[in-house]
Amino acid sequence: MNALIILLIAIVVLVCGYVFYGGWLAKQWGIEPNRPTPAHEMEDGVDYVPAAPYVVLGHHFSSIAGAGPINGPIQAAIFGWVPVLLWVLIGGIFFGAMHDFGALFASIRHKGQTLATVIEHNIDDTAKKLFCIFAYLTLILVVAAFASIVASTFAVVPVTAENAATAEVSNLANMRTAMISVLFIVVAVIYGFATRGRKIPTAANIISAIVIIVAVVAVGYNLPVIALDNTAWMILVGLYILVASVAPVWILLQPRDYLSSYLLYGMIALALIGIIGAGITGDAASLEIPAFTGFTAVAGESKVAASGFLFPALFITIACGAISGFHSLVASGTTSKQLDREAEAQPIAYGGMLLECLVAVISLCAVAFVFAGYMDGTYASPTQVFAAGLSQMLACVPGLAGVESIAYALLVLAVSVFCLTSLDTATRLARYMFQELFTPHGVKMSELTGWRAVLTNPWVATIITVILGVGLGLTGYQLVWPLFGAANQLLAALGLLAVCAWLGNAGRNNKMFYFPMVFMMVVTLCSLAITVYTKFGLLAAGTVDAATVLQLVIALLLMVFAVILAVKGCKTIFGKKEQAQA
């Protein structure tokens, strides 16, 4: 199969999905273009800050992407390119984009509050508390993992006689990535203050942002002067997300995500040039990746491949590229508080998800191009597969043979930026979940007293979150990381459930949620059931270790939480209807 054909099919299908299905959803739900949004009604200069649509899209896309649309398709490619492409396109259009769009719409119709509040108003307070606990624990795991990933892409290791051949090159690449990322943060703060309250023409804003990005990358790439080890970076990253998650969004979150989004758009542009060029020259015209390898996959020598039976493994492995529960938290947590007009919900939420689907298809093309090296374990991580595949395709384009090494470095940098932007957004979202958990039904957070007022203080809630997340990252989040995929997809099922319940209560068409909601619930419960069965088997065989016990306990808890929330949600959806806020 030609990579160019895969790409063209995906682009046509995604555009049609946005225009026809996305447009139909907007009409069915009753999007009102001129209705005031919470960003204006509740503007506070901290969390509720209206912004231009391209700025909000930059934040939203940078936050939801993370490493998911890169890792998932690459790991699942062991099943063949057809299952991956089908799930990304079908899942993205009918599951993920609808999920994200629905979460954002529900939030802006609930004063910009999170899905926990949507659940409280449309199901009950117990369901809200269970959702807060579940979402908070999932976000702590995200903070731990992404902090560890970011630190590892910044850190240097001691050079010895044994590792001298690779350590120096790796250290230089990491120092460049670290320097560029630090400059991004500094420049973003300056940019935030410089543009605050000023009406800058869109063209001038975009051009200036691109110029800044190019300058920051050039300076950071040529002046890599920061050399710290992994522990030092973990501490610094923790301090950064502590401040970034409490500071007003216009100071750092909006300008940093907006500026960094152009680096991500640039990554997509580079990828498209490479795929199209290699497809035209014939280098990517006959890819070695099979269309379908079978219903059961074994990773073999490849350390980054998925394994197991196609159902549920495929649908758990590919999350962000098709549907991800984390997106509903972003849409209802930060994006809804910045939306300038309700009409922008579809392009930002539905369109942003389809843009992520495109990244997933690009990742599929990348792994397909280096499939032999992927399967024999040549590449140690999905990021290496992604960067190697795309940089090698770029080198096939006439006149670009010499750009492979710098393209590789820029692609790795882009992945790191994905993770860093998702990291501080995840911390802010975890703070929201923590605060809502300790806010009783019918009481405003500002009215709390005593220990509740202390715990819901933004600084206190964020400090607790950072200590738990970074501490877990330093001590071994890998013990429970295998459950993250199921937890994240379970969160997606609950997000669909919450929006479906609200639309039903509001008298709107919610039937399009039925199948995706049930399907994702079945997928995740099956995955968790397999985990429970496997871990019980290990315990019965005498294998008693921390990872086995922790994964077993958490899997059982997740199953119980999911069943309780599903029962409560279904009673609301299919039981007596009550008119809700619309």
Protein backbone atom coordinates (compact mmCIF):
# COMPACT_ATOMS: atom_id res chain seq x y z
CA MET A 1 0.00 0.00 0.00
CA ASN A 2 1.20 3.52 -0.86
CA ALA A 3 1.44 5.85 2.14
CA LEU A 4 0.15 8.70 -0.02
CA ILE A 5 -3.07 6.80 -0.75
CA ILE A 6 -3.61 6.14 2.96
CA LEU A 7 -3.11 9.85 3.68
CA LEU A 8 -5.45 11.04 0.91
CA ILE A 9 -8.20 8.62 1.94
CA ALA A 10 -7.93 9.85 5.52
CA ILE A 11 -8.03 13.55 4.61
CA VAL A 12 -11.12 13.15 2.39
CA VAL A 13 -12.98 11.09 5.02
CA LEU A 14 -12.10 13.48 7.86
CA VAL A 15 -13.16 16.57 5.91
CA CYS A 16 -16.47 14.91 5.01
CA GLY A 17 -16.95 13.90 8.64
CA TYR A 18 -16.43 17.47 9.84
CA VAL A 19 -18.73 19.05 7.27
CA PHE A 20 -21.58 16.57 7.32
CA TYR A 21 -21.63 14.79 10.69
CA GLY A 22 -20.16 17.63 12.71
CA GLY A 23 -22.55 20.10 11.11
CA TRP A 24 -25.50 17.78 11.73
CA LEU A 25 -24.59 17.45 15.41
CA ALA A 26 -24.44 21.24 15.79
CA LYS A 27 -27.98 21.52 14.39
CA GLN A 28 -29.34 18.63 16.46
CA TRP A 29 -27.97 20.02 19.72
CA GLY A 30 -28.99 23.61 19.05
CA ILE A 31 -25.74 25.57 18.83
CA GLU A 32 -26.60 29.29 19.10
CA PRO A 33 -23.83 31.35 17.43
CA ASN A 34 -24.67 34.60 19.23
CA ARG A 35 -25.36 33.19 22.69
CA PRO A 36 -22.98 34.66 25.34
CA THR A 37 -20.39 32.16 26.55
CA PRO A 38 -19.17 31.66 30.13
CA ALA A 39 -15.85 33.26 29.18
CA HIS A 40 -17.73 36.58 28.89
CA GLU A 41 -20.45 36.04 31.48
CA MET A 42 -18.01 34.95 34.21
CA GLU A 43 -14.79 36.61 33.09
CA ASP A 44 -12.41 36.78 36.06
CA GLY A 45 -9.00 37.28 34.46
CA VAL A 46 -7.76 33.98 35.89
CA ASP A 47 -9.62 30.96 34.48
CA TYR A 48 -12.44 32.62 32.53
CA VAL A 49 -10.67 34.63 29.82
CA PRO A 50 -12.17 34.90 26.29
CA ALA A 51 -9.66 34.52 23.48
CA ALA A 52 -9.54 34.50 19.70
CA PRO A 53 -10.56 31.17 18.15
CA TYR A 54 -7.09 30.40 16.77
CA VAL A 55 -5.64 30.96 20.26
CA VAL A 56 -8.20 28.64 21.88
CA LEU A 57 -7.63 26.03 19.16
CA GLY A 58 -3.89 26.26 19.84
CA HIS A 59 -4.50 25.58 23.52
CA HIS A 60 -7.07 22.85 22.95
CA PHE A 61 -5.14 20.97 20.27
CA SER A 62 -1.83 21.21 22.12
CA SER A 63 -3.44 19.95 25.32
CA ILE A 64 -5.45 17.01 23.97
CA ALA A 65 -2.75 15.66 21.68
CA GLY A 66 0.03 14.69 24.07
CA ALA A 67 1.90 11.62 22.89
CA GLY A 68 -1.30 9.62 22.43
CA PRO A 69 -1.95 10.03 18.69
CA ILE A 70 1.67 9.09 18.08
CA ASN A 71 2.10 6.18 20.49
CA GLY A 72 -1.25 4.45 20.00
CA PRO A 73 -1.29 3.91 16.21
CA ILE A 74 2.38 2.90 16.22
CA GLN A 75 1.87 0.32 18.95
CA ALA A 76 -1.31 -1.01 17.33
CA ALA A 77 0.28 -1.23 13.86
CA ILE A 78 1.21 -4.82 14.76
CA PHE A 79 -2.41 -5.69 13.83
CA GLY A 80 -1.91 -4.23 10.33
CA TRP A 81 -2.70 -0.88 8.76
CA VAL A 82 -6.36 -1.58 7.93
CA PRO A 83 -7.63 -2.04 11.53
CA VAL A 84 -5.68 1.01 12.67
CA LEU A 85 -6.94 3.23 9.86
CA LEU A 86 -10.55 2.09 10.25
CA TRP A 87 -10.62 2.71 14.01
CA VAL A 88 -8.94 6.12 13.68
CA LEU A 89 -11.40 7.31 11.02
CA ILE A 90 -14.61 5.71 12.30
CA GLY A 91 -13.72 6.21 15.94
CA GLY A 92 -12.54 9.76 15.36
CA ILE A 93 -15.62 10.96 13.48
CA PHE A 94 -18.43 9.09 15.27
CA PHE A 95 -16.90 8.57 18.73
CA GLY A 96 -14.05 10.91 19.63
CA ALA A 97 -14.99 14.15 17.87
CA MET A 98 -18.60 13.85 19.02
CA HIS A 99 -17.34 13.12 22.56
CA ASP A 100 -15.12 16.23 22.60
CA PHE A 101 -17.74 18.47 20.97
CA GLY A 102 -20.42 17.23 23.35
CA ALA A 103 -18.25 17.76 26.43
CA LEU A 104 -17.43 21.33 25.39
CA PHE A 105 -21.05 22.14 24.56
CA ALA A 106 -22.35 20.66 27.83
CA SER A 107 -19.77 22.66 29.76
CA ILE A 108 -20.56 26.03 28.16
CA ARG A 109 -24.24 25.40 28.91
CA HIS A 110 -23.28 24.76 32.56
CA LYS A 111 -21.37 28.03 33.11
CA GLY A 112 -18.04 26.59 31.97
CA GLN A 113 -17.99 23.98 34.74
CA THR A 114 -16.43 20.53 34.34
CA LEU A 115 -18.20 17.30 33.46
CA ALA A 116 -18.37 16.57 37.18
CA THR A 117 -20.85 19.42 37.54
CA VAL A 118 -22.76 18.23 34.48
CA ILE A 119 -23.04 14.82 36.15
CA GLU A 120 -24.11 16.40 39.45
CA HIS A 121 -26.91 18.38 37.80
CA ASN A 122 -28.12 15.59 35.53
CA ILE A 123 -27.50 12.35 37.46
CA ASP A 124 -26.77 12.90 41.18
CA ASP A 125 -24.16 14.03 43.69
CA THR A 126 -22.87 10.51 44.40
CA ALA A 127 -22.15 10.02 40.70
CA LYS A 128 -20.35 13.36 40.68
CA LYS A 129 -18.09 12.36 43.59
CA LEU A 130 -17.26 8.99 42.01
CA PHE A 131 -16.44 10.74 38.74
CA CYS A 132 -14.20 13.27 40.54
CA ILE A 133 -12.28 10.49 42.31
CA PHE A 134 -11.92 8.48 39.13
CA ALA A 135 -10.89 11.49 37.00
CA TYR A 136 -8.47 12.77 39.65
CA LEU A 137 -6.66 9.44 39.96
CA THR A 138 -6.42 9.19 36.18
CA LEU A 139 -5.02 12.71 35.94
CA ILE A 140 -2.45 12.01 38.66
CA LEU A 141 -1.22 9.15 36.51
CA VAL A 142 -1.09 11.49 33.49
CA VAL A 143 0.95 14.02 35.47
CA ALA A 144 3.33 11.29 36.66
CA ALA A 145 3.84 9.80 33.21
CA PHE A 146 4.13 13.04 31.26
CA ALA A 147 6.45 14.62 33.83
CA SER A 148 8.66 11.56 33.55
CA ILE A 149 8.54 11.66 29.72
CA VAL A 150 9.36 15.37 29.60
CA ALA A 151 12.20 15.03 32.11
CA SER A 152 13.67 12.11 30.16
CA THR A 153 13.70 14.17 26.95
CA PHE A 154 15.53 16.99 28.76
CA ALA A 155 17.97 15.06 30.97
CA VAL A 156 21.61 14.24 30.36
CA VAL A 157 23.34 11.09 31.57
CA PRO A 158 26.98 10.63 32.58
CA VAL A 159 29.19 9.69 29.63
CA THR A 160 31.24 6.55 30.23
CA ALA A 161 33.50 4.39 28.13
CA GLU A 162 30.65 1.95 27.58
CA ASN A 163 28.03 4.47 26.41
CA ALA A 164 30.22 7.14 24.84
CA ALA A 165 29.09 6.26 21.32
CA THR A 166 25.46 7.11 21.96
CA ALA A 167 25.35 9.18 25.17
CA GLU A 168 27.01 12.30 23.75
CA VAL A 169 24.62 12.44 20.79
CA SER A 170 21.60 11.76 23.01
CA ASN A 171 22.69 14.32 25.60
CA LEU A 172 23.15 17.02 22.96
CA ALA A 173 19.69 16.33 21.52
CA ASN A 174 18.15 16.46 25.01
CA MET A 175 19.95 19.70 25.89
CA ARG A 176 18.65 21.29 22.69
CA THR A 177 15.10 20.15 23.46
CA ALA A 178 15.36 21.46 27.01
CA MET A 179 16.74 24.83 25.94
CA ILE A 180 14.05 25.36 23.30
CA SER A 181 11.31 24.38 25.76
CA VAL A 182 12.59 26.75 28.46
CA LEU A 183 12.82 29.59 25.94
CA PHE A 184 9.25 28.83 24.88
CA ILE A 185 8.06 29.36 28.45
CA VAL A 186 9.98 32.61 28.94
CA VAL A 187 8.91 34.04 25.60
CA ALA A 188 5.30 32.97 26.20
CA VAL A 189 5.11 34.99 29.44
CA ILE A 190 6.52 38.06 27.68
CA TYR A 191 4.11 37.50 24.77
CA GLY A 192 1.17 37.16 27.17
CA PHE A 193 1.90 40.50 28.86
CA ALA A 194 2.69 42.22 25.55
CA THR A 195 -0.57 41.21 23.87
CA ARG A 196 -2.88 41.42 26.89
CA GLY A 197 -5.80 43.74 26.19
CA ARG A 198 -4.52 44.75 22.76
CA LYS A 199 -6.48 44.17 19.57
CA ILE A 200 -3.84 42.81 17.23
CA PRO A 201 -4.86 42.00 13.64
CA THR A 202 -5.10 38.25 13.06
CA ALA A 203 -2.52 38.23 10.26
CA ALA A 204 -0.01 40.18 12.35
CA ASN A 205 -0.60 37.88 15.33
CA ILE A 206 -0.02 34.75 13.28
CA ILE A 207 3.05 36.09 11.49
CA SER A 208 4.63 37.31 14.73
CA ALA A 209 3.96 33.94 16.37
CA ILE A 210 5.66 32.06 13.54
CA VAL A 211 8.66 34.41 13.63
CA ILE A 212 8.97 33.89 17.40
CA ILE A 213 8.79 30.12 17.00
CA VAL A 214 11.51 30.06 14.36
CA ALA A 215 13.73 32.34 16.46
CA VAL A 216 13.25 30.29 19.64
CA VAL A 217 14.01 27.02 17.86
CA ALA A 218 17.08 28.49 16.17
CA VAL A 219 18.51 29.95 19.39
CA GLY A 220 17.75 26.88 21.50
CA TYR A 221 19.10 24.48 18.89
CA ASN A 222 22.41 26.34 18.56
CA LEU A 223 22.87 27.29 22.24
CA PRO A 224 22.14 24.15 24.31
CA VAL A 225 23.62 25.33 27.61
CA ILE A 226 21.37 23.61 30.17
CA ALA A 227 22.68 20.22 31.34
CA LEU A 228 20.76 18.65 34.25
CA ASP A 229 20.01 15.08 35.25
CA ASN A 230 16.59 13.43 35.36
CA THR A 231 15.89 14.07 39.06
CA ALA A 232 16.71 17.76 38.75
CA TRP A 233 14.40 18.09 35.77
CA MET A 234 11.58 16.26 37.56
CA ILE A 235 11.79 18.78 40.41
CA LEU A 236 11.93 21.75 38.02
CA VAL A 237 9.03 20.40 35.97
CA GLY A 238 7.06 20.01 39.21
CA LEU A 239 7.72 23.63 40.17
CA TYR A 240 6.79 24.78 36.67
CA ILE A 241 3.43 23.00 36.57
CA LEU A 242 2.68 24.23 40.09
CA VAL A 243 2.96 27.85 39.01
CA ALA A 244 1.55 27.34 35.49
CA SER A 245 -1.57 25.61 36.79
CA VAL A 246 -2.50 28.41 39.20
CA ALA A 247 -1.40 31.46 37.22
CA PRO A 248 -4.06 33.31 35.17
CA VAL A 249 -4.41 31.58 31.79
CA TRP A 250 -3.53 34.75 29.83
CA ILE A 251 -0.05 34.89 31.41
CA LEU A 252 1.22 31.49 30.35
CA LEU A 253 -1.32 28.85 29.30
CA GLN A 254 -2.90 30.79 26.44
CA PRO A 255 0.26 32.33 24.91
CA ARG A 256 2.46 29.25 25.46
CA ASP A 257 -0.05 26.84 23.95
CA TYR A 258 -0.79 29.27 21.13
CA LEU A 259 2.88 29.73 20.24
CA SER A 260 3.76 26.06 20.60
CA SER A 261 0.79 25.08 18.43
CA TYR A 262 2.64 26.48 15.42
CA LEU A 263 5.49 24.10 16.12
CA LEU A 264 2.94 21.29 16.09
CA TYR A 265 1.38 22.59 12.88
CA GLY A 266 4.89 22.75 11.46
CA MET A 267 5.42 19.12 12.45
CA ILE A 268 2.25 18.17 10.58
CA ALA A 269 3.39 20.17 7.53
CA LEU A 270 6.80 18.45 7.55
CA ALA A 271 5.09 15.08 7.83
CA LEU A 272 2.76 15.82 4.94
CA ILE A 273 5.67 16.94 2.74
CA GLY A 274 7.53 13.73 3.57
CA ILE A 275 4.57 11.40 2.99
CA ILE A 276 3.48 13.10 -0.24
CA GLY A 277 7.04 13.36 -1.52
CA ALA A 278 7.97 9.75 -0.71
CA GLY A 279 4.67 8.60 -2.21
CA ILE A 280 5.27 10.44 -5.47
CA THR A 281 8.90 9.33 -5.79
CA GLY A 282 7.85 5.74 -5.18
CA ASP A 283 9.87 5.24 -1.98
CA ALA A 284 6.66 4.87 0.02
CA ALA A 285 4.68 3.23 -2.79
CA SER A 286 5.01 -0.34 -1.57
CA LEU A 287 5.10 -0.41 2.21
CA GLU A 288 6.05 -3.63 3.99
CA ILE A 289 3.34 -3.35 6.63
CA PRO A 290 0.59 -5.97 6.13
CA ALA A 291 -3.02 -4.90 5.69
CA PHE A 292 -4.08 -7.28 8.47
CA THR A 293 -1.92 -9.62 10.53
CA GLY A 294 -4.67 -11.49 12.37
CA PHE A 295 -6.90 -11.18 15.41
CA THR A 296 -4.10 -11.97 17.86
CA ALA A 297 -0.84 -10.03 18.01
CA VAL A 298 2.42 -10.89 19.76
CA ALA A 299 4.94 -8.09 20.20
CA GLY A 300 7.98 -10.33 19.60
CA GLU A 301 11.26 -8.41 19.46
CA SER A 302 9.55 -5.04 19.21
CA LYS A 303 9.38 -3.48 22.66
CA VAL A 304 6.83 -0.86 21.62
CA ALA A 305 4.18 -3.05 19.99
CA ALA A 306 0.81 -3.92 21.48
CA SER A 307 -0.11 -7.54 22.11
CA GLY A 308 -3.18 -9.62 22.76
CA PHE A 309 -6.51 -10.16 21.02
CA LEU A 310 -7.68 -7.40 18.68
CA PHE A 311 -10.76 -6.81 20.83
CA PRO A 312 -10.29 -5.00 23.15
CA ALA A 313 -6.54 -4.34 22.62
CA LEU A 314 -6.91 -2.20 19.47
CA PHE A 315 -9.53 0.10 21.03
CA ILE A 316 -7.57 0.52 24.26
CA THR A 317 -4.19 1.05 22.58
CA ILE A 318 -5.42 3.70 20.14
CA ALA A 319 -7.02 6.29 22.40
CA CYS A 320 -6.15 9.91 21.57
CA GLY A 321 -6.18 9.19 17.83
CA ALA A 322 -9.79 7.94 17.99
CA ILE A 323 -11.41 8.74 21.36
CA SER A 324 -9.90 9.67 24.71
CA GLY A 325 -11.51 10.48 28.03
CA PHE A 326 -8.80 13.02 28.80
CA HIS A 327 -10.22 15.20 26.01
CA SER A 328 -13.54 15.63 27.79
CA LEU A 329 -11.71 16.97 30.83
CA VAL A 330 -9.78 19.47 28.69
CA ALA A 331 -12.89 20.56 26.76
CA SER A 332 -14.97 21.05 29.89
CA GLY A 333 -12.14 22.19 32.14
CA THR A 334 -10.10 24.84 30.35
CA THR A 335 -11.31 25.26 26.76
CA SER A 336 -14.92 26.07 27.74
CA LYS A 337 -13.70 28.93 29.94
CA GLN A 338 -11.92 30.60 27.00
CA LEU A 339 -14.45 30.16 24.18
CA ASP A 340 -15.38 33.53 22.69
CA ARG A 341 -18.48 32.44 20.72
CA GLU A 342 -20.63 29.31 20.86
CA ALA A 343 -20.28 28.93 17.08
CA GLU A 344 -16.57 28.18 17.64
CA ALA A 345 -17.32 25.00 19.59
CA GLN A 346 -17.53 22.82 16.47
CA PRO A 347 -14.27 23.90 14.79
CA ILE A 348 -12.32 23.87 18.05
CA ALA A 349 -13.64 20.66 19.65
CA TYR A 350 -14.88 18.57 16.72
CA GLY A 351 -12.28 19.97 14.32
CA GLY A 352 -9.48 19.76 16.87
CA MET A 353 -10.18 16.06 17.37
CA LEU A 354 -10.14 15.39 13.63
CA LEU A 355 -6.82 17.22 13.42
CA GLU A 356 -5.56 14.77 16.01
CA CYS A 357 -6.91 11.92 13.87
CA LEU A 358 -4.72 13.27 11.07
CA VAL A 359 -1.70 13.07 13.40
CA ALA A 360 -2.65 9.44 14.13
CA VAL A 361 -2.75 8.67 10.38
CA ILE A 362 0.62 10.37 9.97
CA SER A 363 1.97 8.13 12.75
CA LEU A 364 0.61 5.09 10.92
CA CYS A 365 2.42 6.16 7.74
CA ALA A 366 5.63 6.69 9.74
CA VAL A 367 5.61 3.22 11.30
CA ALA A 368 4.65 1.68 7.96
CA PHE A 369 7.73 3.19 6.34
CA VAL A 370 10.12 1.69 8.92
CA PHE A 371 8.04 -1.39 9.70
CA ALA A 372 10.95 -3.85 9.50
CA GLY A 373 12.98 -1.88 12.04
CA TYR A 374 9.89 -1.48 14.19
CA MET A 375 9.29 -5.23 14.33
CA ASP A 376 12.91 -6.25 14.96
CA GLY A 377 13.26 -3.85 17.89
CA THR A 378 15.61 -1.37 16.21
CA TYR A 379 13.61 1.50 17.69
CA ALA A 380 13.18 1.60 21.45
CA SER A 381 10.15 3.91 21.64
CA PRO A 382 7.20 5.08 19.54
CA THR A 383 8.77 8.56 19.44
CA GLN A 384 11.85 7.12 17.73
CA VAL A 385 9.66 5.23 15.26
CA PHE A 386 7.68 8.39 14.51
CA ALA A 387 10.73 10.63 14.06
CA ALA A 388 12.71 8.03 12.09
CA GLY A 389 9.88 7.20 9.69
CA LEU A 390 8.98 10.79 8.86
CA SER A 391 12.56 12.10 8.67
CA GLN A 392 13.51 9.24 6.34
CA MET A 393 10.52 9.99 4.11
CA LEU A 394 11.52 13.65 4.00
CA ALA A 395 15.01 12.61 2.90
CA CYS A 396 13.42 10.86 -0.10
CA VAL A 397 12.13 14.18 -1.47
CA PRO A 398 14.47 15.62 -4.12
CA GLY A 399 16.62 18.35 -2.61
CA LEU A 400 15.91 17.35 1.01
CA ALA A 401 18.36 14.48 1.38
CA GLY A 402 20.45 16.44 3.90
CA VAL A 403 17.63 17.39 6.27
CA GLU A 404 17.08 13.98 7.86
CA SER A 405 19.05 14.60 11.07
CA ILE A 406 17.62 18.05 11.79
CA ALA A 407 14.11 16.87 10.89
CA TYR A 408 14.53 13.98 13.33
CA ALA A 409 15.51 16.40 16.11
CA LEU A 410 12.60 18.76 15.37
CA LEU A 411 10.10 15.89 15.36
CA VAL A 412 11.34 14.68 18.74
CA LEU A 413 11.07 18.26 19.99
CA ALA A 414 7.48 18.46 18.76
CA VAL A 415 6.56 15.30 20.67
CA SER A 416 8.14 16.76 23.80
CA VAL A 417 6.12 19.97 23.33
CA PHE A 418 2.94 17.88 22.98
CA CYS A 419 3.68 16.28 26.34
CA LEU A 420 4.65 19.51 28.12
CA THR A 421 1.49 21.35 27.08
CA SER A 422 -0.67 18.40 28.11
CA LEU A 423 1.19 18.22 31.43
CA ASP A 424 0.32 21.61 32.89
CA THR A 425 -3.22 21.40 31.50
CA ALA A 426 -3.63 18.01 33.22
CA THR A 427 -2.40 19.55 36.48
CA ARG A 428 -4.92 22.39 36.26
CA LEU A 429 -7.69 19.89 35.47
CA ALA A 430 -6.69 17.69 38.41
CA ARG A 431 -6.90 20.75 40.64
CA TYR A 432 -10.46 21.37 39.41
CA MET A 433 -11.44 17.76 40.13
CA PHE A 434 -9.88 17.92 43.60
CA GLN A 435 -11.72 21.13 44.42
CA GLU A 436 -15.06 19.85 43.16
CA LEU A 437 -14.68 16.62 45.14
CA PHE A 438 -14.76 18.58 48.41
CA THR A 439 -17.49 21.03 47.38
CA PRO A 440 -20.91 19.84 48.63
CA HIS A 441 -23.96 19.85 46.41
CA GLY A 442 -25.61 23.25 46.12
CA VAL A 443 -22.74 25.14 47.75
CA LYS A 444 -20.43 27.57 45.94
CA MET A 445 -16.71 27.07 46.42
CA SER A 446 -16.35 30.66 47.62
CA GLU A 447 -18.82 29.91 50.47
CA LEU A 448 -16.82 27.01 51.95
CA THR A 449 -15.33 27.29 55.43
CA GLY A 450 -13.01 25.26 57.67
CA TRP A 451 -11.05 22.33 56.27
CA ARG A 452 -13.03 22.37 53.02
CA ALA A 453 -11.95 25.96 52.36
CA VAL A 454 -8.32 24.96 52.97
CA LEU A 455 -8.41 21.91 50.67
CA THR A 456 -10.18 23.78 47.87
CA ASN A 457 -7.74 26.69 47.96
CA PRO A 458 -6.16 26.71 44.45
CA TRP A 459 -2.59 26.67 45.77
CA VAL A 460 -3.24 23.91 48.30
CA ALA A 461 -5.12 21.73 45.80
CA THR A 462 -2.37 22.22 43.20
CA ILE A 463 0.49 21.54 45.64
CA ILE A 464 -1.14 18.26 46.70
CA THR A 465 -1.62 17.30 43.04
CA VAL A 466 1.96 18.12 42.06
CA ILE A 467 3.45 16.25 45.03
CA LEU A 468 1.38 13.16 44.25
CA GLY A 469 2.02 13.30 40.49
CA VAL A 470 5.74 14.09 40.51
CA GLY A 471 6.30 11.78 43.49
CA LEU A 472 4.67 8.92 41.60
CA GLY A 473 6.74 9.79 38.54
CA LEU A 474 9.95 9.58 40.58
CA THR A 475 9.07 6.37 42.42
CA GLY A 476 7.60 4.25 39.64
CA TYR A 477 4.33 5.09 37.90
CA GLN A 478 5.13 2.11 35.65
CA LEU A 479 3.64 -0.15 38.34
CA VAL A 480 0.13 0.97 37.41
CA TRP A 481 0.69 2.49 33.95
CA PRO A 482 -0.57 -0.66 32.14
CA LEU A 483 -4.05 0.24 33.42
CA PHE A 484 -3.98 3.79 32.09
CA GLY A 485 -5.35 2.86 28.67
CA ALA A 486 -8.41 1.17 30.15
CA ALA A 487 -8.89 3.97 32.70
CA ASN A 488 -8.69 6.63 30.00
CA GLN A 489 -11.16 4.85 27.72
CA LEU A 490 -13.47 4.26 30.67
CA LEU A 491 -13.36 8.00 31.29
CA ALA A 492 -14.40 8.47 27.64
CA ALA A 493 -17.40 6.16 28.17
CA LEU A 494 -18.39 8.18 31.24
CA GLY A 495 -17.97 11.43 29.31
CA LEU A 496 -20.35 10.15 26.64
CA LEU A 497 -22.72 9.05 29.40
CA ALA A 498 -22.70 12.49 31.05
CA VAL A 499 -23.40 14.43 27.85
CA CYS A 500 -26.05 11.90 26.78
CA ALA A 501 -27.84 12.29 30.14
CA TRP A 502 -27.82 16.09 29.93
CA LEU A 503 -29.07 16.21 26.32
CA GLY A 504 -31.85 13.76 27.20
CA ASN A 505 -32.89 15.82 30.23
CA ALA A 506 -32.81 18.96 28.09
CA GLY A 507 -35.11 17.39 25.52
CA ARG A 508 -32.43 17.26 22.81
CA ASN A 509 -31.60 14.37 20.48
CA ASN A 510 -29.09 12.14 22.32
CA LYS A 511 -29.55 8.85 20.47
CA MET A 512 -26.27 9.26 18.59
CA PHE A 513 -24.54 8.62 21.94
CA TYR A 514 -26.11 5.23 22.64
CA PHE A 515 -23.86 2.95 20.60
CA PRO A 516 -20.51 4.75 21.25
CA MET A 517 -21.32 4.93 24.98
CA VAL A 518 -22.18 1.22 25.28
CA PHE A 519 -19.32 0.15 23.01
CA MET A 520 -16.67 2.02 25.01
CA MET A 521 -18.08 0.73 28.29
CA VAL A 522 -17.95 -2.87 27.01
CA VAL A 523 -14.42 -2.40 25.62
CA THR A 524 -13.04 -1.07 28.90
CA LEU A 525 -14.84 -3.53 31.14
CA CYS A 526 -13.57 -6.40 28.96
CA SER A 527 -10.04 -5.06 29.17
CA LEU A 528 -10.26 -4.69 32.94
CA ALA A 529 -11.79 -8.18 33.25
CA ILE A 530 -8.84 -9.62 31.30
CA THR A 531 -6.46 -7.78 33.63
CA VAL A 532 -8.24 -9.13 36.72
CA TYR A 533 -8.22 -12.68 35.32
CA THR A 534 -4.52 -12.45 34.45
CA LYS A 535 -3.50 -11.01 37.80
CA PHE A 536 -5.51 -13.58 39.74
CA GLY A 537 -3.74 -16.24 37.70
CA LEU A 538 -0.35 -14.81 38.62
CA LEU A 539 -1.28 -14.69 42.31
CA ALA A 540 -2.54 -18.27 42.16
CA ALA A 541 0.77 -19.29 40.61
CA GLY A 542 2.67 -17.70 43.50
CA THR A 543 3.71 -14.45 41.78
CA VAL A 544 3.14 -11.86 44.50
CA ASP A 545 4.68 -8.45 43.78
CA ALA A 546 3.65 -4.83 44.12
CA ALA A 547 2.74 -4.38 40.45
CA THR A 548 0.49 -7.43 40.35
CA VAL A 549 -1.36 -6.57 43.56
CA LEU A 550 -1.75 -2.87 42.71
CA GLN A 551 -3.03 -3.53 39.20
CA LEU A 552 -5.50 -6.12 40.49
CA VAL A 553 -6.90 -3.83 43.20
CA ILE A 554 -7.14 -0.79 40.90
CA ALA A 555 -8.75 -2.81 38.09
CA LEU A 556 -11.41 -4.09 40.48
CA LEU A 557 -12.09 -0.58 41.81
CA LEU A 558 -12.38 0.83 38.30
CA MET A 559 -14.87 -1.87 37.38
CA VAL A 560 -16.99 -1.15 40.45
CA PHE A 561 -16.91 2.64 39.83
CA ALA A 562 -17.83 2.13 36.17
CA VAL A 563 -20.76 -0.15 36.89
CA ILE A 564 -22.19 2.18 39.55
CA LEU A 565 -21.91 5.23 37.28
CA ALA A 566 -23.29 3.30 34.30
CA VAL A 567 -26.34 2.15 36.27
CA LYS A 568 -27.02 5.65 37.60
CA GLY A 569 -26.53 7.17 34.17
CA CYS A 570 -28.78 4.67 32.40
CA LYS A 571 -31.55 5.27 34.95
CA THR A 572 -31.34 8.96 34.09
CA ILE A 573 -31.18 8.44 30.34
CA PHE A 574 -33.80 5.74 29.98
CA GLY A 575 -35.88 6.51 33.06
CA LYS A 576 -38.06 9.47 33.89
CA LYS A 577 -37.00 12.59 31.97
CA GLU A 578 -36.58 15.87 33.78
CA GLN A 579 -36.01 19.16 32.02
CA ALA A 580 -32.48 20.44 32.59
CA GLN A 581 -30.65 23.64 31.75
CA ALA A 582 -30.29 24.04 28.00
